[in-house]
Amino acid sequence: MANAHMGLRLYLAGTEGLIGQAMQAALEAGIDHTSVQTEHRGSLARRMQCVHCKGITENVTTQPATCSHCGLLLLVRDHYSRRLAAFQGVCINAEDRSEIPPIEEVFR
């Protein structure tokens, strides 16, 4: 991508995590995000960033999910950060840690 010429169009296909990381590399190489076309294929598992410890957890399939770094129970938001190539996870039971909602597999 470092040798790309003006007018380059990029097509990415794969899981959200793979597309996000490839998009991140393209942006770092100076390719505008409007020049990238994406097609989701495969698992809906998400790459999640814990907003509390900043750790990244790969292949998240449940809602809520546990942060693999700090252990907090996180609500996986639909907010996606192109810069981080990850969905945001926020503590779901910050006020009462004993309050644990049912965990369901929703991102297959």
PDB file of N, CA and C in Angstrom:
ATOM      1  N   MET A   1       0.809  -1.191   0.000  1.00  0.00           N
ATOM      2  CA  MET A   1       0.000   0.000   0.000  1.00  0.00           C
ATOM      3  C   MET A   1       0.858   1.263   0.000  1.00  0.00           C
ATOM      4  N   ALA A   2       2.072   1.134   0.487  1.00  0.00           N
ATOM      5  CA  ALA A   2       2.944   2.303   0.531  1.00  0.00           C
ATOM      6  C   ALA A   2       3.261   2.830  -0.864  1.00  0.00           C
ATOM      7  N   ASN A   3       3.199   1.969  -1.877  1.00  0.00           N
ATOM      8  CA  ASN A   3       3.489   2.380  -3.253  1.00  0.00           C
ATOM      9  C   ASN A   3       2.230   2.636  -4.064  1.00  0.00           C
ATOM     10  N   ALA A   4       1.096   2.754  -3.404  1.00  0.00           N
ATOM     11  CA  ALA A   4      -0.179   2.948  -4.097  1.00  0.00           C
ATOM     12  C   ALA A   4      -0.220   4.301  -4.800  1.00  0.00           C
ATOM     13  N   HIS A   5      -0.889   4.320  -5.936  1.00  0.00           N
ATOM     14  CA  HIS A   5      -1.022   5.553  -6.712  1.00  0.00           C
ATOM     15  C   HIS A   5      -2.379   6.196  -6.454  1.00  0.00           C
ATOM     16  N   MET A   6      -2.488   7.457  -6.789  1.00  0.00           N
ATOM     17  CA  MET A   6      -3.739   8.186  -6.629  1.00  0.00           C
ATOM     18  C   MET A   6      -4.852   7.476  -7.400  1.00  0.00           C
ATOM     19  N   GLY A   7      -6.030   7.387  -6.790  1.00  0.00           N
ATOM     20  CA  GLY A   7      -7.162   6.739  -7.440  1.00  0.00           C
ATOM     21  C   GLY A   7      -7.310   5.270  -7.089  1.00  0.00           C
ATOM     22  N   LEU A   8      -6.431   4.756  -6.231  1.00  0.00           N
ATOM     23  CA  LEU A   8      -6.509   3.353  -5.821  1.00  0.00           C
ATOM     24  C   LEU A   8      -7.829   3.082  -5.116  1.00  0.00           C
ATOM     25  N   ARG A   9      -8.453   1.969  -5.438  1.00  0.00           N
ATOM     26  CA  ARG A   9      -9.651   1.493  -4.747  1.00  0.00           C
ATOM     27  C   ARG A   9      -9.275   0.168  -4.099  1.00  0.00           C
ATOM     28  N   LEU A  10      -9.730  -0.044  -2.887  1.00  0.00           N
ATOM     29  CA  LEU A  10      -9.397  -1.249  -2.147  1.00  0.00           C
ATOM     30  C   LEU A  10     -10.687  -1.992  -1.824  1.00  0.00           C
ATOM     31  N   TYR A  11     -10.688  -3.291  -2.011  1.00  0.00           N
ATOM     32  CA  TYR A  11     -11.839  -4.135  -1.690  1.00  0.00           C
ATOM     33  C   TYR A  11     -11.406  -5.121  -0.627  1.00  0.00           C
ATOM     34  N   LEU A  12     -12.115  -5.128   0.517  1.00  0.00           N
ATOM     35  CA  LEU A  12     -11.803  -6.020   1.625  1.00  0.00           C
ATOM     36  C   LEU A  12     -12.994  -6.918   1.910  1.00  0.00           C
ATOM     37  N   ALA A  13     -12.754  -8.212   2.063  1.00  0.00           N
ATOM     38  CA  ALA A  13     -13.811  -9.162   2.410  1.00  0.00           C
ATOM     39  C   ALA A  13     -13.303 -10.054   3.527  1.00  0.00           C
ATOM     40  N   GLY A  14     -14.169 -10.322   4.515  1.00  0.00           N
ATOM     41  CA  GLY A  14     -13.794 -11.197   5.616  1.00  0.00           C
ATOM     42  C   GLY A  14     -14.606 -10.888   6.850  1.00  0.00           C
ATOM     43  N   THR A  15     -14.111 -11.323   7.992  1.00  0.00           N
ATOM     44  CA  THR A  15     -14.801 -11.054   9.259  1.00  0.00           C
ATOM     45  C   THR A  15     -14.597  -9.589   9.640  1.00  0.00           C
ATOM     46  N   GLU A  16     -15.415  -9.104  10.571  1.00  0.00           N
ATOM     47  CA  GLU A  16     -15.314  -7.703  10.977  1.00  0.00           C
ATOM     48  C   GLU A  16     -13.923  -7.368  11.516  1.00  0.00           C
ATOM     49  N   GLY A  17     -13.358  -8.284  12.300  1.00  0.00           N
ATOM     50  CA  GLY A  17     -12.032  -8.041  12.853  1.00  0.00           C
ATOM     51  C   GLY A  17     -10.963  -7.926  11.773  1.00  0.00           C
ATOM     52  N   LEU A  18     -11.015  -8.834  10.800  1.00  0.00           N
ATOM     53  CA  LEU A  18     -10.039  -8.809   9.707  1.00  0.00           C
ATOM     54  C   LEU A  18     -10.197  -7.549   8.860  1.00  0.00           C
ATOM     55  N   ILE A  19     -11.438  -7.213   8.531  1.00  0.00           N
ATOM     56  CA  ILE A  19     -11.692  -6.011   7.738  1.00  0.00           C
ATOM     57  C   ILE A  19     -11.212  -4.777   8.489  1.00  0.00           C
ATOM     58  N   GLY A  20     -11.526  -4.709   9.782  1.00  0.00           N
ATOM     59  CA  GLY A  20     -11.122  -3.554  10.577  1.00  0.00           C
ATOM     60  C   GLY A  20      -9.620  -3.374  10.643  1.00  0.00           C
ATOM     61  N   GLN A  21      -8.892  -4.468  10.829  1.00  0.00           N
ATOM     62  CA  GLN A  21      -7.434  -4.370  10.910  1.00  0.00           C
ATOM     63  C   GLN A  21      -6.820  -4.024   9.555  1.00  0.00           C
ATOM     64  N   ALA A  22      -7.380  -4.575   8.466  1.00  0.00           N
ATOM     65  CA  ALA A  22      -6.884  -4.228   7.129  1.00  0.00           C
ATOM     66  C   ALA A  22      -7.198  -2.775   6.811  1.00  0.00           C
ATOM     67  N   MET A  23      -8.380  -2.310   7.225  1.00  0.00           N
ATOM     68  CA  MET A  23      -8.757  -0.911   7.026  1.00  0.00           C
ATOM     69  C   MET A  23      -7.822   0.009   7.799  1.00  0.00           C
ATOM     70  N   GLN A  24      -7.469  -0.398   9.005  1.00  0.00           N
ATOM     71  CA  GLN A  24      -6.543   0.373   9.829  1.00  0.00           C
ATOM     72  C   GLN A  24      -5.197   0.522   9.110  1.00  0.00           C
ATOM     73  N   ALA A  25      -4.705  -0.559   8.517  1.00  0.00           N
ATOM     74  CA  ALA A  25      -3.437  -0.515   7.773  1.00  0.00           C
ATOM     75  C   ALA A  25      -3.560   0.399   6.559  1.00  0.00           C
ATOM     76  N   ALA A  26      -4.707   0.350   5.885  1.00  0.00           N
ATOM     77  CA  ALA A  26      -4.930   1.200   4.712  1.00  0.00           C
ATOM     78  C   ALA A  26      -4.944   2.675   5.107  1.00  0.00           C
ATOM     79  N   LEU A  27      -5.613   2.996   6.203  1.00  0.00           N
ATOM     80  CA  LEU A  27      -5.663   4.386   6.667  1.00  0.00           C
ATOM     81  C   LEU A  27      -4.273   4.889   7.050  1.00  0.00           C
ATOM     82  N   GLU A  28      -3.500   4.028   7.703  1.00  0.00           N
ATOM     83  CA  GLU A  28      -2.130   4.400   8.083  1.00  0.00           C
ATOM     84  C   GLU A  28      -1.247   4.618   6.859  1.00  0.00           C
ATOM     85  N   ALA A  29      -1.578   3.945   5.742  1.00  0.00           N
ATOM     86  CA  ALA A  29      -0.824   4.104   4.502  1.00  0.00           C
ATOM     87  C   ALA A  29      -1.298   5.317   3.709  1.00  0.00           C
ATOM     88  N   GLY A  30      -2.313   6.025   4.237  1.00  0.00           N
ATOM     89  CA  GLY A  30      -2.776   7.243   3.576  1.00  0.00           C
ATOM     90  C   GLY A  30      -3.945   7.053   2.626  1.00  0.00           C
ATOM     91  N   ILE A  31      -4.555   5.869   2.627  1.00  0.00           N
ATOM     92  CA  ILE A  31      -5.708   5.622   1.761  1.00  0.00           C
ATOM     93  C   ILE A  31      -6.952   6.121   2.483  1.00  0.00           C
ATOM     94  N   ASP A  32      -7.750   6.940   1.817  1.00  0.00           N
ATOM     95  CA  ASP A  32      -8.968   7.489   2.409  1.00  0.00           C
ATOM     96  C   ASP A  32     -10.005   6.392   2.577  1.00  0.00           C
ATOM     97  N   HIS A  33     -10.755   6.419   3.690  1.00  0.00           N
ATOM     98  CA  HIS A  33     -11.728   5.355   3.954  1.00  0.00           C
ATOM     99  C   HIS A  33     -12.838   5.301   2.906  1.00  0.00           C
ATOM    100  N   THR A  34     -13.074   6.392   2.195  1.00  0.00           N
ATOM    101  CA  THR A  34     -14.098   6.379   1.146  1.00  0.00           C
ATOM    102  C   THR A  34     -13.637   5.626  -0.098  1.00  0.00           C
ATOM    103  N   SER A  35     -12.367   5.296  -0.169  1.00  0.00           N
ATOM    104  CA  SER A  35     -11.825   4.534  -1.296  1.00  0.00           C
ATOM    105  C   SER A  35     -11.784   3.042  -1.016  1.00  0.00           C
ATOM    106  N   VAL A  36     -12.342   2.636   0.119  1.00  0.00           N
ATOM    107  CA  VAL A  36     -12.319   1.233   0.509  1.00  0.00           C
ATOM    108  C   VAL A  36     -13.743   0.688   0.534  1.00  0.00           C
ATOM    109  N   GLN A  37     -13.951  -0.397  -0.179  1.00  0.00           N
ATOM    110  CA  GLN A  37     -15.241  -1.081  -0.175  1.00  0.00           C
ATOM    111  C   GLN A  37     -15.073  -2.353   0.636  1.00  0.00           C
ATOM    112  N   THR A  38     -16.053  -2.650   1.496  1.00  0.00           N
ATOM    113  CA  THR A  38     -15.946  -3.828   2.352  1.00  0.00           C
ATOM    114  C   THR A  38     -17.156  -4.737   2.190  1.00  0.00           C
ATOM    115  N   GLU A  39     -16.913  -6.014   2.433  1.00  0.00           N
ATOM    116  CA  GLU A  39     -17.988  -7.008   2.409  1.00  0.00           C
ATOM    117  C   GLU A  39     -17.754  -7.980   3.557  1.00  0.00           C
ATOM    118  N   HIS A  40     -18.715  -8.018   4.467  1.00  0.00           N
ATOM    119  CA  HIS A  40     -18.589  -8.909   5.612  1.00  0.00           C
ATOM    120  C   HIS A  40     -18.848 -10.343   5.177  1.00  0.00           C
ATOM    121  N   ARG A  41     -17.957 -11.249   5.563  1.00  0.00           N
ATOM    122  CA  ARG A  41     -18.091 -12.682   5.286  1.00  0.00           C
ATOM    123  C   ARG A  41     -17.665 -13.447   6.521  1.00  0.00           C
ATOM    124  N   GLY A  42     -18.402 -14.489   6.848  1.00  0.00           N
ATOM    125  CA  GLY A  42     -18.008 -15.346   7.962  1.00  0.00           C
ATOM    126  C   GLY A  42     -18.653 -14.952   9.275  1.00  0.00           C
ATOM    127  N   SER A  43     -17.970 -15.244  10.336  1.00  0.00           N
ATOM    128  CA  SER A  43     -18.465 -15.060  11.697  1.00  0.00           C
ATOM    129  C   SER A  43     -18.808 -13.602  12.000  1.00  0.00           C
ATOM    130  N   LEU A  44     -19.783 -13.406  12.872  1.00  0.00           N
ATOM    131  CA  LEU A  44     -20.135 -12.068  13.346  1.00  0.00           C
ATOM    132  C   LEU A  44     -19.399 -11.714  14.635  1.00  0.00           C
ATOM    133  N   ALA A  45     -18.483 -12.600  15.074  1.00  0.00           N
ATOM    134  CA  ALA A  45     -17.710 -12.343  16.292  1.00  0.00           C
ATOM    135  C   ALA A  45     -17.049 -10.972  16.200  1.00  0.00           C
ATOM    136  N   ARG A  46     -17.037 -10.280  17.320  1.00  0.00           N
ATOM    137  CA  ARG A  46     -16.528  -8.908  17.332  1.00  0.00           C
ATOM    138  C   ARG A  46     -15.172  -8.790  18.012  1.00  0.00           C
ATOM    139  N   ARG A  47     -14.434  -7.813  17.576  1.00  0.00           N
ATOM    140  CA  ARG A  47     -13.202  -7.388  18.236  1.00  0.00           C
ATOM    141  C   ARG A  47     -13.631  -6.241  19.138  1.00  0.00           C
ATOM    142  N   MET A  48     -13.343  -6.350  20.424  1.00  0.00           N
ATOM    143  CA  MET A  48     -13.866  -5.381  21.388  1.00  0.00           C
ATOM    144  C   MET A  48     -12.739  -4.725  22.169  1.00  0.00           C
ATOM    145  N   GLN A  49     -12.869  -3.412  22.373  1.00  0.00           N
ATOM    146  CA  GLN A  49     -11.930  -2.690  23.219  1.00  0.00           C
ATOM    147  C   GLN A  49     -12.634  -2.294  24.505  1.00  0.00           C
ATOM    148  N   CYS A  50     -12.047  -2.651  25.632  1.00  0.00           N
ATOM    149  CA  CYS A  50     -12.568  -2.263  26.939  1.00  0.00           C
ATOM    150  C   CYS A  50     -12.238  -0.785  27.140  1.00  0.00           C
ATOM    151  N   VAL A  51     -13.250   0.052  27.358  1.00  0.00           N
ATOM    152  CA  VAL A  51     -12.995   1.483  27.533  1.00  0.00           C
ATOM    153  C   VAL A  51     -12.340   1.781  28.883  1.00  0.00           C
ATOM    154  N   HIS A  52     -12.303   0.797  29.782  1.00  0.00           N
ATOM    155  CA  HIS A  52     -11.749   1.010  31.111  1.00  0.00           C
ATOM    156  C   HIS A  52     -10.245   0.724  31.163  1.00  0.00           C
ATOM    157  N   CYS A  53      -9.811  -0.410  30.601  1.00  0.00           N
ATOM    158  CA  CYS A  53      -8.377  -0.756  30.646  1.00  0.00           C
ATOM    159  C   CYS A  53      -7.705  -0.621  29.284  1.00  0.00           C
ATOM    160  N   LYS A  54      -8.510  -0.362  28.239  1.00  0.00           N
ATOM    161  CA  LYS A  54      -8.028  -0.200  26.852  1.00  0.00           C
ATOM    162  C   LYS A  54      -7.552  -1.497  26.212  1.00  0.00           C
ATOM    163  N   GLY A  55      -7.769  -2.635  26.878  1.00  0.00           N
ATOM    164  CA  GLY A  55      -7.378  -3.926  26.318  1.00  0.00           C
ATOM    165  C   GLY A  55      -8.313  -4.353  25.197  1.00  0.00           C
ATOM    166  N   ILE A  56      -7.782  -5.115  24.255  1.00  0.00           N
ATOM    167  CA  ILE A  56      -8.553  -5.627  23.122  1.00  0.00           C
ATOM    168  C   ILE A  56      -8.843  -7.109  23.370  1.00  0.00           C
ATOM    169  N   THR A  57     -10.102  -7.490  23.210  1.00  0.00           N
ATOM    170  CA  THR A  57     -10.515  -8.888  23.304  1.00  0.00           C
ATOM    171  C   THR A  57     -11.011  -9.304  21.927  1.00  0.00           C
ATOM    172  N   GLU A  58     -10.451 -10.367  21.387  1.00  0.00           N
ATOM    173  CA  GLU A  58     -10.812 -10.848  20.053  1.00  0.00           C
ATOM    174  C   GLU A  58     -11.947 -11.865  20.128  1.00  0.00           C
ATOM    175  N   ASN A  59     -12.663 -12.009  19.033  1.00  0.00           N
ATOM    176  CA  ASN A  59     -13.679 -13.056  18.837  1.00  0.00           C
ATOM    177  C   ASN A  59     -14.750 -13.089  19.923  1.00  0.00           C
ATOM    178  N   VAL A  60     -15.308 -11.940  20.253  1.00  0.00           N
ATOM    179  CA  VAL A  60     -16.382 -11.846  21.240  1.00  0.00           C
ATOM    180  C   VAL A  60     -17.690 -12.269  20.576  1.00  0.00           C
ATOM    181  N   THR A  61     -18.366 -13.253  21.174  1.00  0.00           N
ATOM    182  CA  THR A  61     -19.630 -13.735  20.612  1.00  0.00           C
ATOM    183  C   THR A  61     -20.802 -13.549  21.558  1.00  0.00           C
ATOM    184  N   THR A  62     -20.539 -13.122  22.803  1.00  0.00           N
ATOM    185  CA  THR A  62     -21.613 -13.017  23.788  1.00  0.00           C
ATOM    186  C   THR A  62     -21.932 -11.568  24.146  1.00  0.00           C
ATOM    187  N   GLN A  63     -23.116 -11.392  24.695  1.00  0.00           N
ATOM    188  CA  GLN A  63     -23.552 -10.096  25.205  1.00  0.00           C
ATOM    189  C   GLN A  63     -24.152 -10.335  26.572  1.00  0.00           C
ATOM    190  N   PRO A  64     -23.635  -9.833  27.661  1.00  0.00           N
ATOM    191  CA  PRO A  64     -22.373  -9.113  27.778  1.00  0.00           C
ATOM    192  C   PRO A  64     -21.174 -10.047  27.642  1.00  0.00           C
ATOM    193  N   ALA A  65     -19.983  -9.449  27.600  1.00  0.00           N
ATOM    194  CA  ALA A  65     -18.739 -10.215  27.445  1.00  0.00           C
ATOM    195  C   ALA A  65     -17.761  -9.824  28.546  1.00  0.00           C
ATOM    196  N   THR A  66     -16.860 -10.714  28.869  1.00  0.00           N
ATOM    197  CA  THR A  66     -15.846 -10.440  29.881  1.00  0.00           C
ATOM    198  C   THR A  66     -14.570  -9.955  29.208  1.00  0.00           C
ATOM    199  N   CYS A  67     -14.010  -8.866  29.732  1.00  0.00           N
ATOM    200  CA  CYS A  67     -12.744  -8.343  29.210  1.00  0.00           C
ATOM    201  C   CYS A  67     -11.640  -9.347  29.541  1.00  0.00           C
ATOM    202  N   SER A  68     -10.857  -9.714  28.536  1.00  0.00           N
ATOM    203  CA  SER A  68      -9.785 -10.692  28.744  1.00  0.00           C
ATOM    204  C   SER A  68      -8.590 -10.090  29.473  1.00  0.00           C
ATOM    205  N   HIS A  69      -8.600  -8.777  29.703  1.00  0.00           N
ATOM    206  CA  HIS A  69      -7.477  -8.117  30.372  1.00  0.00           C
ATOM    207  C   HIS A  69      -7.777  -7.774  31.829  1.00  0.00           C
ATOM    208  N   CYS A  70      -8.908  -7.086  32.068  1.00  0.00           N
ATOM    209  CA  CYS A  70      -9.200  -6.647  33.437  1.00  0.00           C
ATOM    210  C   CYS A  70     -10.326  -7.437  34.091  1.00  0.00           C
ATOM    211  N   GLY A  71     -11.035  -8.277  33.328  1.00  0.00           N
ATOM    212  CA  GLY A  71     -12.067  -9.131  33.884  1.00  0.00           C
ATOM    213  C   GLY A  71     -13.424  -8.491  34.101  1.00  0.00           C
ATOM    214  N   LEU A  72     -13.588  -7.213  33.725  1.00  0.00           N
ATOM    215  CA  LEU A  72     -14.885  -6.564  33.883  1.00  0.00           C
ATOM    216  C   LEU A  72     -15.913  -7.181  32.941  1.00  0.00           C
ATOM    217  N   LEU A  73     -17.168  -7.181  33.363  1.00  0.00           N
ATOM    218  CA  LEU A  73     -18.269  -7.632  32.526  1.00  0.00           C
ATOM    219  C   LEU A  73     -18.714  -6.438  31.694  1.00  0.00           C
ATOM    220  N   LEU A  74     -18.641  -6.572  30.375  1.00  0.00           N
ATOM    221  CA  LEU A  74     -18.857  -5.436  29.484  1.00  0.00           C
ATOM    222  C   LEU A  74     -20.074  -5.596  28.581  1.00  0.00           C
ATOM    223  N   LEU A  75     -20.789  -4.493  28.390  1.00  0.00           N
ATOM    224  CA  LEU A  75     -21.818  -4.394  27.370  1.00  0.00           C
ATOM    225  C   LEU A  75     -21.091  -4.088  26.070  1.00  0.00           C
ATOM    226  N   VAL A  76     -21.270  -4.916  25.064  1.00  0.00           N
ATOM    227  CA  VAL A  76     -20.615  -4.695  23.771  1.00  0.00           C
ATOM    228  C   VAL A  76     -21.507  -3.756  22.972  1.00  0.00           C
ATOM    229  N   ARG A  77     -21.073  -2.523  22.833  1.00  0.00           N
ATOM    230  CA  ARG A  77     -21.865  -1.514  22.138  1.00  0.00           C
ATOM    231  C   ARG A  77     -21.772  -1.694  20.629  1.00  0.00           C
ATOM    232  N   ASP A  78     -22.744  -1.151  19.927  1.00  0.00           N
ATOM    233  CA  ASP A  78     -22.711  -1.164  18.461  1.00  0.00           C
ATOM    234  C   ASP A  78     -21.798  -0.075  17.917  1.00  0.00           C
ATOM    235  N   HIS A  79     -21.244   0.752  18.817  1.00  0.00           N
ATOM    236  CA  HIS A  79     -20.319   1.806  18.392  1.00  0.00           C
ATOM    237  C   HIS A  79     -19.003   1.165  17.949  1.00  0.00           C
ATOM    238  N   TYR A  80     -18.612   1.441  16.710  1.00  0.00           N
ATOM    239  CA  TYR A  80     -17.388   0.877  16.140  1.00  0.00           C
ATOM    240  C   TYR A  80     -16.378   1.992  15.930  1.00  0.00           C
ATOM    241  N   SER A  81     -15.158   1.779  16.372  1.00  0.00           N
ATOM    242  CA  SER A  81     -14.087   2.745  16.179  1.00  0.00           C
ATOM    243  C   SER A  81     -13.216   2.301  15.009  1.00  0.00           C
ATOM    244  N   ARG A  82     -13.207   3.089  13.943  1.00  0.00           N
ATOM    245  CA  ARG A  82     -12.322   2.785  12.807  1.00  0.00           C
ATOM    246  C   ARG A  82     -10.865   2.896  13.227  1.00  0.00           C
ATOM    247  N   ARG A  83     -10.575   3.869  14.090  1.00  0.00           N
ATOM    248  CA  ARG A  83      -9.191   4.075  14.526  1.00  0.00           C
ATOM    249  C   ARG A  83      -8.659   2.853  15.263  1.00  0.00           C
ATOM    250  N   LEU A  84      -9.500   2.217  16.100  1.00  0.00           N
ATOM    251  CA  LEU A  84      -9.076   1.054  16.873  1.00  0.00           C
ATOM    252  C   LEU A  84      -9.434  -0.266  16.216  1.00  0.00           C
ATOM    253  N   ALA A  85     -10.270  -0.210  15.182  1.00  0.00           N
ATOM    254  CA  ALA A  85     -10.780  -1.415  14.514  1.00  0.00           C
ATOM    255  C   ALA A  85     -11.449  -2.339  15.521  1.00  0.00           C
ATOM    256  N   ALA A  86     -12.284  -1.749  16.382  1.00  0.00           N
ATOM    257  CA  ALA A  86     -12.940  -2.531  17.428  1.00  0.00           C
ATOM    258  C   ALA A  86     -14.239  -1.873  17.871  1.00  0.00           C
ATOM    259  N   PHE A  87     -15.138  -2.710  18.385  1.00  0.00           N
ATOM    260  CA  PHE A  87     -16.349  -2.212  19.022  1.00  0.00           C
ATOM    261  C   PHE A  87     -16.003  -1.847  20.454  1.00  0.00           C
ATOM    262  N   GLN A  88     -16.755  -0.932  21.036  1.00  0.00           N
ATOM    263  CA  GLN A  88     -16.486  -0.472  22.388  1.00  0.00           C
ATOM    264  C   GLN A  88     -17.247  -1.312  23.407  1.00  0.00           C
ATOM    265  N   GLY A  89     -16.574  -1.654  24.505  1.00  0.00           N
ATOM    266  CA  GLY A  89     -17.197  -2.389  25.597  1.00  0.00           C
ATOM    267  C   GLY A  89     -17.159  -1.557  26.865  1.00  0.00           C
ATOM    268  N   VAL A  90     -18.330  -1.382  27.505  1.00  0.00           N
ATOM    269  CA  VAL A  90     -18.411  -0.595  28.742  1.00  0.00           C
ATOM    270  C   VAL A  90     -18.958  -1.474  29.867  1.00  0.00           C
ATOM    271  N   CYS A  91     -18.519  -1.211  31.089  1.00  0.00           N
ATOM    272  CA  CYS A  91     -18.921  -2.016  32.247  1.00  0.00           C
ATOM    273  C   CYS A  91     -20.441  -1.999  32.389  1.00  0.00           C
ATOM    274  N   ILE A  92     -21.029  -3.175  32.435  1.00  0.00           N
ATOM    275  CA  ILE A  92     -22.486  -3.300  32.476  1.00  0.00           C
ATOM    276  C   ILE A  92     -23.036  -3.272  33.895  1.00  0.00           C
ATOM    277  N   ASN A  93     -22.178  -3.533  34.875  1.00  0.00           N
ATOM    278  CA  ASN A  93     -22.648  -3.587  36.266  1.00  0.00           C
ATOM    279  C   ASN A  93     -21.734  -2.787  37.198  1.00  0.00           C
ATOM    280  N   ALA A  94     -21.398  -1.585  36.795  1.00  0.00           N
ATOM    281  CA  ALA A  94     -20.446  -0.759  37.547  1.00  0.00           C
ATOM    282  C   ALA A  94     -20.946  -0.406  38.941  1.00  0.00           C
ATOM    283  N   GLU A  95     -22.248  -0.218  39.095  1.00  0.00           N
ATOM    284  CA  GLU A  95     -22.775   0.206  40.387  1.00  0.00           C
ATOM    285  C   GLU A  95     -22.951  -0.948  41.364  1.00  0.00           C
ATOM    286  N   ASP A  96     -23.196  -2.141  40.835  1.00  0.00           N
ATOM    287  CA  ASP A  96     -23.390  -3.311  41.696  1.00  0.00           C
ATOM    288  C   ASP A  96     -22.822  -4.533  40.983  1.00  0.00           C
ATOM    289  N   ARG A  97     -21.587  -4.903  41.330  1.00  0.00           N
ATOM    290  CA  ARG A  97     -20.883  -6.002  40.652  1.00  0.00           C
ATOM    291  C   ARG A  97     -21.573  -7.346  40.831  1.00  0.00           C
ATOM    292  N   SER A  98     -22.447  -7.452  41.832  1.00  0.00           N
ATOM    293  CA  SER A  98     -23.150  -8.721  42.038  1.00  0.00           C
ATOM    294  C   SER A  98     -24.328  -8.867  41.064  1.00  0.00           C
ATOM    295  N   GLU A  99     -24.670  -7.793  40.408  1.00  0.00           N
ATOM    296  CA  GLU A  99     -25.767  -7.799  39.436  1.00  0.00           C
ATOM    297  C   GLU A  99     -25.220  -8.287  38.084  1.00  0.00           C
ATOM    298  N   ILE A 100     -25.498  -9.535  37.771  1.00  0.00           N
ATOM    299  CA  ILE A 100     -24.962 -10.128  36.536  1.00  0.00           C
ATOM    300  C   ILE A 100     -26.121 -10.532  35.626  1.00  0.00           C
ATOM    301  N   PRO A 101     -26.295  -9.814  34.519  1.00  0.00           N
ATOM    302  CA  PRO A 101     -27.372 -10.163  33.590  1.00  0.00           C
ATOM    303  C   PRO A 101     -27.055 -11.473  32.873  1.00  0.00           C
ATOM    304  N   PRO A 102     -28.079 -12.131  32.329  1.00  0.00           N
ATOM    305  CA  PRO A 102     -27.830 -13.380  31.608  1.00  0.00           C
ATOM    306  C   PRO A 102     -26.909 -13.142  30.400  1.00  0.00           C
ATOM    307  N   ILE A 103     -26.005 -14.075  30.191  1.00  0.00           N
ATOM    308  CA  ILE A 103     -25.067 -13.968  29.060  1.00  0.00           C
ATOM    309  C   ILE A 103     -25.628 -14.793  27.902  1.00  0.00           C
ATOM    310  N   GLU A 104     -25.784 -14.131  26.750  1.00  0.00           N
ATOM    311  CA  GLU A 104     -26.329 -14.785  25.569  1.00  0.00           C
ATOM    312  C   GLU A 104     -25.353 -14.697  24.408  1.00  0.00           C
ATOM    313  N   GLU A 105     -25.311 -15.750  23.604  1.00  0.00           N
ATOM    314  CA  GLU A 105     -24.478 -15.715  22.407  1.00  0.00           C
ATOM    315  C   GLU A 105     -25.274 -15.018  21.304  1.00  0.00           C
ATOM    316  N   VAL A 106     -24.809 -13.835  20.907  1.00  0.00           N
ATOM    317  CA  VAL A 106     -25.544 -13.058  19.909  1.00  0.00           C
ATOM    318  C   VAL A 106     -24.723 -12.738  18.654  1.00  0.00           C
ATOM    319  N   PHE A 107     -23.409 -12.854  18.733  1.00  0.00           N
ATOM    320  CA  PHE A 107     -22.530 -12.553  17.584  1.00  0.00           C
ATOM    321  C   PHE A 107     -21.889 -13.861  17.121  1.00  0.00           C
ATOM    322  N   ARG A 108     -22.551 -14.588  16.271  1.00  0.00           N
ATOM    323  CA  ARG A 108     -22.031 -15.897  15.848  1.00  0.00           C
ATOM    324  C   ARG A 108     -21.243 -15.813  14.588  1.00  0.00           C
TER     325      ARG A 108
END
